[in-house]
């Protein structure tokens, strides 16, 4: 997606250790027009997937998931990282490593928002190692729901996550794929 590539090149910053800083338009400050365009692109790709809900991880995945869900006419469920008092005692819970924080992070969803038999589309901000998305997949499976697709704004192909996710047998779609960030130079898959 040309618009997202341009924004990454003009405002993204490579911080080393495989970390791309996009917080001026994706995950600290959010550009609604850009996220709207990304949501439209996801909806176009996944329109025939049969999804009944969109699932993402708190917090960076919420904006792209919300916009994709808007165009698909679906609700968004996001896996919480901490349990609010409004969440029931019994939840679906898994852990996934946080690439940017360097720790294991809990992901939890209330069963009332991830019912058995639902068709779930996962949308997140990054596809790198695939660890966070696999955490979301574990939540889908724990709920007895069906995974119908996986989307990510930005894929870092050199971290191998796509190979892990393709074993699930569902479509995996990234709006942009970065093949290298060596020496701070961001290169895209064309």
N, C-alpha and C. Protein backbone atom coordinates (compact mmCIF):
# COMPACT_ATOMS: atom_id res chain seq x y z
N UNK A 1 0.84 -1.17 0.00
CA UNK A 1 0.00 0.00 0.00
C UNK A 1 0.89 1.24 0.00
N UNK A 2 0.80 1.97 -1.07
CA UNK A 2 1.69 3.11 -1.32
C UNK A 2 1.66 4.16 -0.20
N UNK A 3 0.47 4.52 0.26
CA UNK A 3 0.33 5.56 1.28
C UNK A 3 1.05 5.17 2.57
N UNK A 4 0.91 3.94 2.99
CA UNK A 4 1.57 3.48 4.21
C UNK A 4 3.09 3.43 4.02
N UNK A 5 3.55 2.97 2.86
CA UNK A 5 5.00 2.95 2.57
C UNK A 5 5.58 4.35 2.67
N UNK A 6 4.89 5.31 2.04
CA UNK A 6 5.38 6.69 2.05
C UNK A 6 5.49 7.23 3.47
N UNK A 7 4.50 6.91 4.29
CA UNK A 7 4.52 7.40 5.67
C UNK A 7 5.66 6.75 6.45
N UNK A 8 5.88 5.47 6.25
CA UNK A 8 7.00 4.79 6.92
C UNK A 8 8.32 5.42 6.52
N UNK A 9 8.49 5.70 5.23
CA UNK A 9 9.74 6.29 4.77
C UNK A 9 9.94 7.72 5.27
N UNK A 10 8.86 8.47 5.37
CA UNK A 10 9.01 9.87 5.78
C UNK A 10 9.03 10.06 7.30
N UNK A 11 8.31 9.20 8.05
CA UNK A 11 8.22 9.41 9.50
C UNK A 11 8.67 8.23 10.35
N UNK A 12 8.81 7.06 9.75
CA UNK A 12 9.26 5.90 10.52
C UNK A 12 10.74 6.02 10.85
N UNK A 13 11.12 5.42 11.97
CA UNK A 13 12.53 5.47 12.37
C UNK A 13 12.96 4.08 12.81
N UNK A 14 14.07 3.62 12.27
CA UNK A 14 14.63 2.34 12.70
C UNK A 14 15.45 2.59 13.96
N UNK A 15 15.12 1.89 15.05
CA UNK A 15 15.78 2.10 16.33
C UNK A 15 16.83 1.04 16.65
N UNK A 16 17.04 0.09 15.73
CA UNK A 16 17.95 -1.01 16.01
C UNK A 16 17.20 -2.18 16.61
N UNK A 17 17.85 -3.33 16.70
CA UNK A 17 17.27 -4.55 17.27
C UNK A 17 15.95 -4.94 16.60
N UNK A 18 15.78 -4.58 15.33
CA UNK A 18 14.57 -4.95 14.60
C UNK A 18 13.35 -4.10 14.91
N UNK A 19 13.52 -2.99 15.62
CA UNK A 19 12.38 -2.17 16.02
C UNK A 19 12.22 -0.97 15.09
N UNK A 20 11.03 -0.88 14.51
CA UNK A 20 10.66 0.24 13.65
C UNK A 20 9.69 1.13 14.42
N UNK A 21 10.07 2.37 14.63
CA UNK A 21 9.22 3.32 15.37
C UNK A 21 8.25 3.98 14.39
N UNK A 22 6.97 3.71 14.59
CA UNK A 22 5.92 4.30 13.76
C UNK A 22 4.88 4.99 14.65
N UNK A 23 5.32 5.42 15.81
CA UNK A 23 4.36 5.93 16.79
C UNK A 23 3.85 7.33 16.48
N UNK A 24 4.34 7.97 15.44
CA UNK A 24 3.78 9.28 15.07
C UNK A 24 2.54 9.15 14.20
N UNK A 25 2.23 7.90 13.74
CA UNK A 25 1.04 7.73 12.90
C UNK A 25 0.29 6.43 13.14
N UNK A 26 0.84 5.48 13.92
CA UNK A 26 0.15 4.21 14.15
C UNK A 26 -0.17 3.95 15.61
N UNK A 27 0.82 4.05 16.50
CA UNK A 27 0.57 3.50 17.83
C UNK A 27 0.86 4.38 19.03
N UNK A 28 1.03 5.65 18.86
CA UNK A 28 1.01 6.58 20.00
C UNK A 28 0.14 7.75 19.59
N UNK A 29 0.50 8.33 18.47
CA UNK A 29 -0.37 9.28 17.79
C UNK A 29 -0.89 8.54 16.57
N UNK A 30 -2.18 8.57 16.33
CA UNK A 30 -2.79 7.80 15.25
C UNK A 30 -3.32 8.76 14.19
N UNK A 31 -3.00 8.47 12.93
CA UNK A 31 -3.53 9.24 11.81
C UNK A 31 -4.82 8.57 11.35
N UNK A 32 -5.99 9.15 11.66
CA UNK A 32 -7.25 8.49 11.33
C UNK A 32 -7.47 8.32 9.83
N UNK A 33 -7.02 9.27 9.02
CA UNK A 33 -7.20 9.14 7.57
C UNK A 33 -6.37 7.97 7.03
N UNK A 34 -5.16 7.83 7.52
CA UNK A 34 -4.31 6.71 7.10
C UNK A 34 -4.92 5.38 7.57
N UNK A 35 -5.36 5.32 8.83
CA UNK A 35 -5.96 4.09 9.34
C UNK A 35 -7.25 3.76 8.59
N UNK A 36 -8.01 4.77 8.20
CA UNK A 36 -9.22 4.56 7.41
C UNK A 36 -8.86 3.91 6.06
N UNK A 37 -7.84 4.43 5.41
CA UNK A 37 -7.40 3.86 4.13
C UNK A 37 -6.90 2.42 4.31
N UNK A 38 -6.18 2.18 5.39
CA UNK A 38 -5.70 0.82 5.68
C UNK A 38 -6.88 -0.12 5.95
N UNK A 39 -7.86 0.35 6.70
CA UNK A 39 -9.05 -0.46 6.98
C UNK A 39 -9.80 -0.81 5.71
N UNK A 40 -9.91 0.14 4.82
CA UNK A 40 -10.57 -0.11 3.54
C UNK A 40 -9.82 -1.18 2.74
N UNK A 41 -8.49 -1.11 2.77
CA UNK A 41 -7.65 -2.10 2.07
C UNK A 41 -7.83 -3.49 2.67
N UNK A 42 -7.81 -3.59 4.00
CA UNK A 42 -8.05 -4.88 4.65
C UNK A 42 -9.43 -5.43 4.29
N UNK A 43 -10.44 -4.58 4.34
CA UNK A 43 -11.80 -5.01 4.04
C UNK A 43 -11.92 -5.52 2.62
N UNK A 44 -11.25 -4.87 1.71
CA UNK A 44 -11.27 -5.32 0.32
C UNK A 44 -10.65 -6.71 0.19
N UNK A 45 -9.54 -6.92 0.88
CA UNK A 45 -8.85 -8.22 0.80
C UNK A 45 -9.65 -9.33 1.48
N UNK A 46 -10.24 -9.04 2.64
CA UNK A 46 -10.90 -10.07 3.45
C UNK A 46 -12.43 -10.10 3.29
N UNK A 47 -12.97 -9.41 2.31
CA UNK A 47 -14.43 -9.29 2.18
C UNK A 47 -15.14 -10.63 2.03
N UNK A 48 -14.48 -11.63 1.47
CA UNK A 48 -15.12 -12.93 1.27
C UNK A 48 -14.67 -13.99 2.29
N UNK A 49 -13.99 -13.56 3.36
CA UNK A 49 -13.46 -14.51 4.36
C UNK A 49 -14.56 -15.06 5.27
N UNK A 50 -15.69 -14.37 5.32
CA UNK A 50 -16.79 -14.84 6.18
C UNK A 50 -16.62 -14.51 7.64
N UNK A 51 -15.83 -13.50 7.95
CA UNK A 51 -15.59 -13.13 9.35
C UNK A 51 -16.87 -12.60 9.99
N UNK A 52 -17.02 -12.88 11.28
CA UNK A 52 -18.13 -12.33 12.05
C UNK A 52 -17.64 -11.38 13.14
N UNK A 53 -16.34 -11.40 13.42
CA UNK A 53 -15.71 -10.48 14.38
C UNK A 53 -14.26 -10.27 13.97
N UNK A 54 -13.73 -9.11 14.39
CA UNK A 54 -12.30 -8.82 14.21
C UNK A 54 -11.67 -8.83 15.60
N UNK A 55 -10.53 -9.51 15.72
CA UNK A 55 -9.80 -9.61 16.98
C UNK A 55 -8.44 -8.97 16.82
N UNK A 56 -8.02 -8.23 17.84
CA UNK A 56 -6.69 -7.63 17.83
C UNK A 56 -6.14 -7.61 19.25
N UNK A 57 -4.92 -7.10 19.38
CA UNK A 57 -4.28 -6.96 20.69
C UNK A 57 -4.28 -5.50 21.11
N UNK A 58 -4.48 -5.29 22.38
CA UNK A 58 -4.40 -3.94 22.96
C UNK A 58 -2.96 -3.47 22.83
N UNK A 59 -2.63 -2.39 22.43
CA UNK A 59 -3.35 -1.22 22.09
C UNK A 59 -3.11 -0.86 20.62
N UNK A 60 -1.93 -1.20 20.12
CA UNK A 60 -1.55 -0.74 18.78
C UNK A 60 -2.38 -1.34 17.66
N UNK A 61 -2.99 -2.48 17.89
CA UNK A 61 -3.80 -3.10 16.85
C UNK A 61 -5.20 -2.53 16.75
N UNK A 62 -5.61 -1.75 17.75
CA UNK A 62 -7.00 -1.29 17.79
C UNK A 62 -7.36 -0.41 16.60
N UNK A 63 -6.54 0.57 16.26
CA UNK A 63 -6.89 1.49 15.17
C UNK A 63 -7.07 0.77 13.83
N UNK A 64 -6.11 -0.05 13.38
CA UNK A 64 -6.33 -0.72 12.10
C UNK A 64 -7.48 -1.74 12.16
N UNK A 65 -7.63 -2.42 13.29
CA UNK A 65 -8.72 -3.39 13.43
C UNK A 65 -10.07 -2.69 13.38
N UNK A 66 -10.17 -1.57 14.06
CA UNK A 66 -11.42 -0.82 14.08
C UNK A 66 -11.82 -0.34 12.69
N UNK A 67 -10.85 0.15 11.93
CA UNK A 67 -11.16 0.64 10.59
C UNK A 67 -11.51 -0.51 9.63
N UNK A 68 -10.82 -1.63 9.76
CA UNK A 68 -11.16 -2.80 8.93
C UNK A 68 -12.58 -3.25 9.27
N UNK A 69 -12.89 -3.31 10.56
CA UNK A 69 -14.21 -3.75 11.00
C UNK A 69 -15.29 -2.79 10.53
N UNK A 70 -14.99 -1.51 10.51
CA UNK A 70 -15.94 -0.51 10.02
C UNK A 70 -16.38 -0.85 8.59
N UNK A 71 -15.41 -1.15 7.73
CA UNK A 71 -15.72 -1.44 6.33
C UNK A 71 -16.29 -2.83 6.13
N UNK A 72 -16.05 -3.73 7.06
CA UNK A 72 -16.62 -5.07 6.98
C UNK A 72 -17.96 -5.16 7.70
N UNK A 73 -18.31 -4.13 8.46
CA UNK A 73 -19.56 -4.13 9.21
C UNK A 73 -19.56 -5.09 10.38
N UNK A 74 -18.42 -5.19 11.06
CA UNK A 74 -18.25 -6.17 12.14
C UNK A 74 -17.84 -5.50 13.45
N UNK A 75 -18.09 -6.17 14.57
CA UNK A 75 -17.56 -5.65 15.84
C UNK A 75 -16.07 -5.99 15.98
N UNK A 76 -15.39 -5.20 16.81
CA UNK A 76 -13.98 -5.43 17.12
C UNK A 76 -13.88 -5.88 18.57
N UNK A 77 -13.08 -6.91 18.79
CA UNK A 77 -12.76 -7.38 20.13
C UNK A 77 -11.25 -7.22 20.27
N UNK A 78 -10.83 -6.64 21.39
CA UNK A 78 -9.39 -6.59 21.59
C UNK A 78 -8.99 -7.30 22.85
N UNK A 79 -7.90 -8.04 22.73
CA UNK A 79 -7.36 -8.77 23.87
C UNK A 79 -6.73 -7.75 24.81
N UNK A 80 -7.20 -7.77 26.05
CA UNK A 80 -6.71 -6.83 27.07
C UNK A 80 -5.38 -7.34 27.62
N UNK A 81 -4.56 -6.40 28.10
CA UNK A 81 -3.30 -6.76 28.73
C UNK A 81 -3.40 -6.77 30.25
N UNK A 82 -4.45 -6.17 30.76
CA UNK A 82 -4.71 -6.25 32.20
C UNK A 82 -6.21 -6.40 32.38
N UNK A 83 -6.58 -7.04 33.45
CA UNK A 83 -7.99 -7.40 33.67
C UNK A 83 -8.73 -6.30 34.42
N UNK A 84 -9.73 -5.67 33.76
CA UNK A 84 -10.53 -4.67 34.47
C UNK A 84 -11.54 -5.35 35.40
N UNK A 85 -12.09 -4.61 36.33
CA UNK A 85 -13.07 -5.19 37.25
C UNK A 85 -14.35 -5.61 36.54
N UNK A 86 -14.59 -5.09 35.37
CA UNK A 86 -15.79 -5.43 34.61
C UNK A 86 -15.68 -6.77 33.90
N UNK A 87 -14.49 -7.33 33.82
CA UNK A 87 -14.29 -8.60 33.14
C UNK A 87 -14.61 -9.75 34.09
N UNK A 88 -15.29 -10.80 33.60
CA UNK A 88 -15.62 -11.92 34.49
C UNK A 88 -14.37 -12.63 35.00
N UNK A 89 -14.56 -13.45 36.03
CA UNK A 89 -13.43 -14.18 36.61
C UNK A 89 -12.84 -15.18 35.62
N UNK A 90 -13.68 -15.81 34.83
CA UNK A 90 -13.21 -16.78 33.85
C UNK A 90 -12.99 -16.08 32.52
N UNK A 91 -11.76 -16.13 32.03
CA UNK A 91 -11.41 -15.48 30.77
C UNK A 91 -10.55 -16.44 29.95
N UNK A 92 -10.43 -16.13 28.66
CA UNK A 92 -9.43 -16.80 27.83
C UNK A 92 -8.14 -16.00 28.02
N UNK A 93 -7.06 -16.71 28.34
CA UNK A 93 -5.80 -16.04 28.69
C UNK A 93 -4.64 -16.76 28.05
N UNK A 94 -3.71 -15.98 27.50
CA UNK A 94 -2.46 -16.52 27.00
C UNK A 94 -1.37 -15.48 27.25
N UNK A 95 -0.15 -15.83 27.01
CA UNK A 95 0.96 -14.88 27.09
C UNK A 95 1.70 -14.86 25.77
N UNK A 96 2.26 -13.71 25.46
CA UNK A 96 3.04 -13.55 24.24
C UNK A 96 4.18 -12.58 24.54
N UNK A 97 5.33 -12.79 23.92
CA UNK A 97 6.44 -11.85 24.16
C UNK A 97 6.17 -10.51 23.49
N UNK A 98 6.51 -9.44 24.18
CA UNK A 98 6.43 -8.10 23.62
C UNK A 98 7.78 -7.74 23.04
N UNK A 99 7.82 -7.52 21.74
CA UNK A 99 9.08 -7.22 21.05
C UNK A 99 9.66 -5.89 21.55
N UNK A 100 8.80 -4.89 21.74
CA UNK A 100 9.30 -3.58 22.13
C UNK A 100 9.57 -3.45 23.62
N UNK A 101 8.87 -4.24 24.44
CA UNK A 101 9.08 -4.15 25.89
C UNK A 101 10.05 -5.20 26.41
N UNK A 102 10.28 -6.25 25.62
CA UNK A 102 11.21 -7.29 26.04
C UNK A 102 10.71 -8.15 27.19
N UNK A 103 9.40 -8.24 27.35
CA UNK A 103 8.82 -9.05 28.43
C UNK A 103 7.66 -9.89 27.88
N UNK A 104 7.21 -10.84 28.68
CA UNK A 104 6.00 -11.58 28.33
C UNK A 104 4.80 -10.74 28.73
N UNK A 105 3.82 -10.66 27.85
CA UNK A 105 2.61 -9.87 28.09
C UNK A 105 1.41 -10.79 28.09
N UNK A 106 0.53 -10.61 29.06
CA UNK A 106 -0.72 -11.37 29.07
C UNK A 106 -1.69 -10.78 28.06
N UNK A 107 -2.45 -11.65 27.40
CA UNK A 107 -3.53 -11.27 26.51
C UNK A 107 -4.77 -12.01 26.98
N UNK A 108 -5.85 -11.28 27.25
CA UNK A 108 -7.06 -11.95 27.75
C UNK A 108 -8.30 -11.36 27.10
N UNK A 109 -9.28 -12.25 26.92
CA UNK A 109 -10.56 -11.87 26.31
C UNK A 109 -11.67 -12.51 27.13
N UNK A 110 -12.72 -11.76 27.33
CA UNK A 110 -13.91 -12.28 28.00
C UNK A 110 -14.64 -13.23 27.05
N UNK A 111 -15.08 -14.39 27.53
CA UNK A 111 -15.80 -15.35 26.68
C UNK A 111 -17.05 -14.77 26.03
N UNK A 112 -17.66 -13.76 26.65
CA UNK A 112 -18.87 -13.20 26.06
C UNK A 112 -18.60 -12.48 24.74
N UNK A 113 -17.35 -12.09 24.48
CA UNK A 113 -17.01 -11.37 23.25
C UNK A 113 -16.23 -12.22 22.25
N UNK A 114 -16.00 -13.48 22.62
CA UNK A 114 -15.33 -14.41 21.71
C UNK A 114 -16.02 -15.76 21.82
N UNK A 115 -17.28 -15.83 21.33
CA UNK A 115 -18.06 -17.06 21.49
C UNK A 115 -17.61 -18.18 20.55
N UNK A 116 -17.87 -19.40 20.98
CA UNK A 116 -17.58 -20.57 20.16
C UNK A 116 -18.34 -20.47 18.84
N UNK A 117 -17.71 -20.93 17.79
CA UNK A 117 -18.35 -20.98 16.49
C UNK A 117 -18.24 -19.71 15.66
N UNK A 118 -17.79 -18.61 16.26
CA UNK A 118 -17.63 -17.36 15.51
C UNK A 118 -16.47 -17.48 14.52
N UNK A 119 -16.54 -16.73 13.44
CA UNK A 119 -15.46 -16.68 12.44
C UNK A 119 -14.65 -15.42 12.69
N UNK A 120 -13.39 -15.62 13.06
CA UNK A 120 -12.55 -14.52 13.56
C UNK A 120 -11.47 -14.13 12.54
N UNK A 121 -11.41 -12.83 12.28
CA UNK A 121 -10.34 -12.23 11.48
C UNK A 121 -9.44 -11.49 12.45
N UNK A 122 -8.15 -11.81 12.45
CA UNK A 122 -7.18 -11.11 13.30
C UNK A 122 -6.53 -10.00 12.48
N UNK A 123 -6.52 -8.80 13.05
CA UNK A 123 -5.82 -7.65 12.45
C UNK A 123 -4.91 -7.07 13.52
N UNK A 124 -3.64 -6.84 13.17
CA UNK A 124 -2.70 -6.26 14.13
C UNK A 124 -1.82 -5.24 13.42
N UNK A 125 -1.00 -4.53 14.19
CA UNK A 125 -0.14 -3.52 13.58
C UNK A 125 1.08 -4.15 12.91
N UNK A 126 1.75 -5.08 13.58
CA UNK A 126 2.97 -5.67 13.03
C UNK A 126 2.86 -7.20 12.92
N UNK A 127 3.48 -7.72 11.91
CA UNK A 127 3.77 -9.15 11.79
C UNK A 127 5.28 -9.24 11.72
N UNK A 128 5.90 -9.69 12.79
CA UNK A 128 7.35 -9.85 12.85
C UNK A 128 7.65 -11.33 13.06
N UNK A 129 7.85 -11.74 14.31
CA UNK A 129 8.10 -13.16 14.60
C UNK A 129 6.81 -13.96 14.57
N UNK A 130 5.68 -13.27 14.66
CA UNK A 130 4.38 -13.94 14.70
C UNK A 130 3.94 -14.30 16.10
N UNK A 131 4.72 -13.99 17.11
CA UNK A 131 4.42 -14.42 18.48
C UNK A 131 3.14 -13.80 19.03
N UNK A 132 2.93 -12.51 18.84
CA UNK A 132 1.71 -11.88 19.35
C UNK A 132 0.49 -12.41 18.62
N UNK A 133 0.60 -12.50 17.31
CA UNK A 133 -0.53 -13.01 16.53
C UNK A 133 -0.82 -14.46 16.90
N UNK A 134 0.20 -15.26 17.15
CA UNK A 134 -0.04 -16.64 17.59
C UNK A 134 -0.72 -16.66 18.96
N UNK A 135 -0.43 -15.68 19.81
CA UNK A 135 -1.15 -15.56 21.07
C UNK A 135 -2.64 -15.33 20.82
N UNK A 136 -2.95 -14.47 19.87
CA UNK A 136 -4.35 -14.23 19.51
C UNK A 136 -4.99 -15.49 18.92
N UNK A 137 -4.22 -16.23 18.13
CA UNK A 137 -4.72 -17.49 17.56
C UNK A 137 -5.05 -18.47 18.69
N UNK A 138 -4.21 -18.54 19.71
CA UNK A 138 -4.49 -19.43 20.85
C UNK A 138 -5.79 -19.04 21.53
N UNK A 139 -6.07 -17.74 21.63
CA UNK A 139 -7.34 -17.30 22.22
C UNK A 139 -8.52 -17.74 21.37
N UNK A 140 -8.39 -17.63 20.05
CA UNK A 140 -9.45 -18.07 19.13
C UNK A 140 -9.71 -19.56 19.33
N UNK A 141 -8.65 -20.34 19.38
CA UNK A 141 -8.80 -21.79 19.55
C UNK A 141 -9.39 -22.14 20.91
N UNK A 142 -8.95 -21.45 21.96
CA UNK A 142 -9.48 -21.71 23.30
C UNK A 142 -10.98 -21.46 23.36
N UNK A 143 -11.44 -20.50 22.57
CA UNK A 143 -12.85 -20.15 22.55
C UNK A 143 -13.68 -21.11 21.70
N UNK A 144 -13.02 -21.95 20.92
CA UNK A 144 -13.76 -22.81 20.01
C UNK A 144 -14.27 -22.05 18.80
N UNK A 145 -13.63 -20.92 18.50
CA UNK A 145 -13.99 -20.11 17.33
C UNK A 145 -13.14 -20.55 16.14
N UNK A 146 -13.45 -20.01 14.97
CA UNK A 146 -12.75 -20.36 13.73
C UNK A 146 -11.94 -19.19 13.22
N UNK A 147 -10.68 -19.42 12.98
CA UNK A 147 -9.81 -18.39 12.41
C UNK A 147 -10.01 -18.37 10.90
N UNK A 148 -10.31 -17.19 10.33
CA UNK A 148 -10.56 -17.11 8.88
C UNK A 148 -9.55 -16.24 8.14
N UNK A 149 -8.68 -15.54 8.85
CA UNK A 149 -7.67 -14.72 8.19
C UNK A 149 -6.86 -13.92 9.19
N UNK A 150 -5.71 -13.44 8.71
CA UNK A 150 -4.80 -12.64 9.52
C UNK A 150 -4.29 -11.49 8.67
N UNK A 151 -4.40 -10.28 9.21
CA UNK A 151 -3.89 -9.10 8.52
C UNK A 151 -2.97 -8.31 9.43
N UNK A 152 -1.97 -7.66 8.82
CA UNK A 152 -1.05 -6.81 9.57
C UNK A 152 -0.75 -5.57 8.72
N UNK A 153 -0.64 -4.44 9.38
CA UNK A 153 -0.24 -3.24 8.66
C UNK A 153 1.14 -3.41 8.06
N UNK A 154 2.10 -3.82 8.89
CA UNK A 154 3.51 -3.86 8.51
C UNK A 154 4.08 -5.24 8.83
N UNK A 155 4.64 -5.87 7.82
CA UNK A 155 5.33 -7.14 8.02
C UNK A 155 6.83 -6.92 7.91
N UNK A 156 7.57 -7.50 8.85
CA UNK A 156 9.03 -7.52 8.75
C UNK A 156 9.39 -8.95 8.32
N UNK A 157 9.56 -9.15 7.02
CA UNK A 157 9.72 -10.49 6.46
C UNK A 157 10.95 -11.21 7.02
N UNK A 158 11.96 -10.48 7.42
CA UNK A 158 13.21 -11.07 7.89
C UNK A 158 13.10 -11.69 9.28
N UNK A 159 11.94 -11.54 9.94
CA UNK A 159 11.76 -12.15 11.26
C UNK A 159 11.01 -13.47 11.22
N UNK A 160 10.53 -13.89 10.03
CA UNK A 160 10.00 -15.23 9.85
C UNK A 160 8.59 -15.53 10.33
N UNK A 161 7.85 -14.54 10.75
CA UNK A 161 6.51 -14.78 11.27
C UNK A 161 5.52 -15.34 10.26
N UNK A 162 5.63 -14.91 9.01
CA UNK A 162 4.69 -15.38 7.98
C UNK A 162 4.74 -16.90 7.86
N UNK A 163 5.91 -17.47 7.87
CA UNK A 163 6.04 -18.92 7.73
C UNK A 163 5.30 -19.64 8.86
N UNK A 164 5.40 -19.12 10.06
CA UNK A 164 4.70 -19.69 11.21
C UNK A 164 3.18 -19.60 11.01
N UNK A 165 2.70 -18.46 10.55
CA UNK A 165 1.26 -18.24 10.39
C UNK A 165 0.68 -18.98 9.19
N UNK A 166 1.45 -19.14 8.13
CA UNK A 166 0.93 -19.83 6.95
C UNK A 166 0.60 -21.29 7.23
N UNK A 167 1.24 -21.85 8.27
CA UNK A 167 0.93 -23.23 8.67
C UNK A 167 -0.50 -23.36 9.18
N UNK A 168 -1.15 -22.25 9.50
CA UNK A 168 -2.52 -22.27 10.01
C UNK A 168 -3.54 -22.48 8.90
N UNK A 169 -3.12 -22.30 7.65
CA UNK A 169 -4.00 -22.57 6.51
C UNK A 169 -5.05 -21.49 6.24
N UNK A 170 -4.81 -20.26 6.70
CA UNK A 170 -5.73 -19.15 6.43
C UNK A 170 -4.96 -18.06 5.68
N UNK A 171 -5.67 -17.18 4.96
CA UNK A 171 -4.98 -16.09 4.28
C UNK A 171 -4.25 -15.18 5.28
N UNK A 172 -3.02 -14.81 4.92
CA UNK A 172 -2.21 -13.88 5.71
C UNK A 172 -1.88 -12.72 4.78
N UNK A 173 -2.27 -11.51 5.18
CA UNK A 173 -2.10 -10.35 4.30
C UNK A 173 -1.48 -9.19 5.06
N UNK A 174 -0.38 -8.67 4.54
CA UNK A 174 0.26 -7.47 5.10
C UNK A 174 0.12 -6.34 4.09
N UNK A 175 -0.17 -5.15 4.58
CA UNK A 175 -0.32 -4.01 3.67
C UNK A 175 1.02 -3.57 3.11
N UNK A 176 2.08 -3.65 3.90
CA UNK A 176 3.44 -3.44 3.40
C UNK A 176 4.34 -4.49 4.02
N UNK A 177 5.34 -4.90 3.25
CA UNK A 177 6.30 -5.89 3.74
C UNK A 177 7.70 -5.31 3.63
N UNK A 178 8.39 -5.26 4.76
CA UNK A 178 9.75 -4.74 4.82
C UNK A 178 10.70 -5.93 4.79
N UNK A 179 11.65 -5.88 3.86
CA UNK A 179 12.60 -6.99 3.71
C UNK A 179 13.91 -6.74 4.44
N UNK A 180 14.21 -5.47 4.74
CA UNK A 180 15.46 -5.16 5.42
C UNK A 180 15.39 -3.78 6.05
N UNK A 181 16.07 -3.64 7.17
CA UNK A 181 16.25 -2.34 7.79
C UNK A 181 17.72 -2.15 8.17
N UNK A 182 18.59 -2.86 7.48
CA UNK A 182 20.02 -2.80 7.78
C UNK A 182 20.55 -1.39 7.56
N UNK A 183 21.41 -0.97 8.47
CA UNK A 183 22.02 0.36 8.41
C UNK A 183 20.97 1.48 8.37
N UNK A 184 19.79 1.21 8.91
CA UNK A 184 18.74 2.22 8.96
C UNK A 184 18.02 2.47 7.65
N UNK A 185 18.36 1.70 6.62
CA UNK A 185 17.71 1.85 5.31
C UNK A 185 16.56 0.85 5.21
N UNK A 186 15.33 1.38 5.08
CA UNK A 186 14.15 0.54 5.03
C UNK A 186 13.89 0.13 3.59
N UNK A 187 13.86 -1.18 3.36
CA UNK A 187 13.60 -1.71 2.01
C UNK A 187 12.33 -2.54 2.03
N UNK A 188 11.50 -2.35 1.00
CA UNK A 188 10.21 -2.99 0.91
C UNK A 188 10.20 -4.10 -0.14
N UNK A 189 9.37 -5.09 0.08
CA UNK A 189 9.09 -6.11 -0.91
C UNK A 189 8.20 -5.46 -1.96
N UNK A 190 8.58 -5.59 -3.20
CA UNK A 190 7.78 -4.96 -4.27
C UNK A 190 6.84 -5.95 -4.89
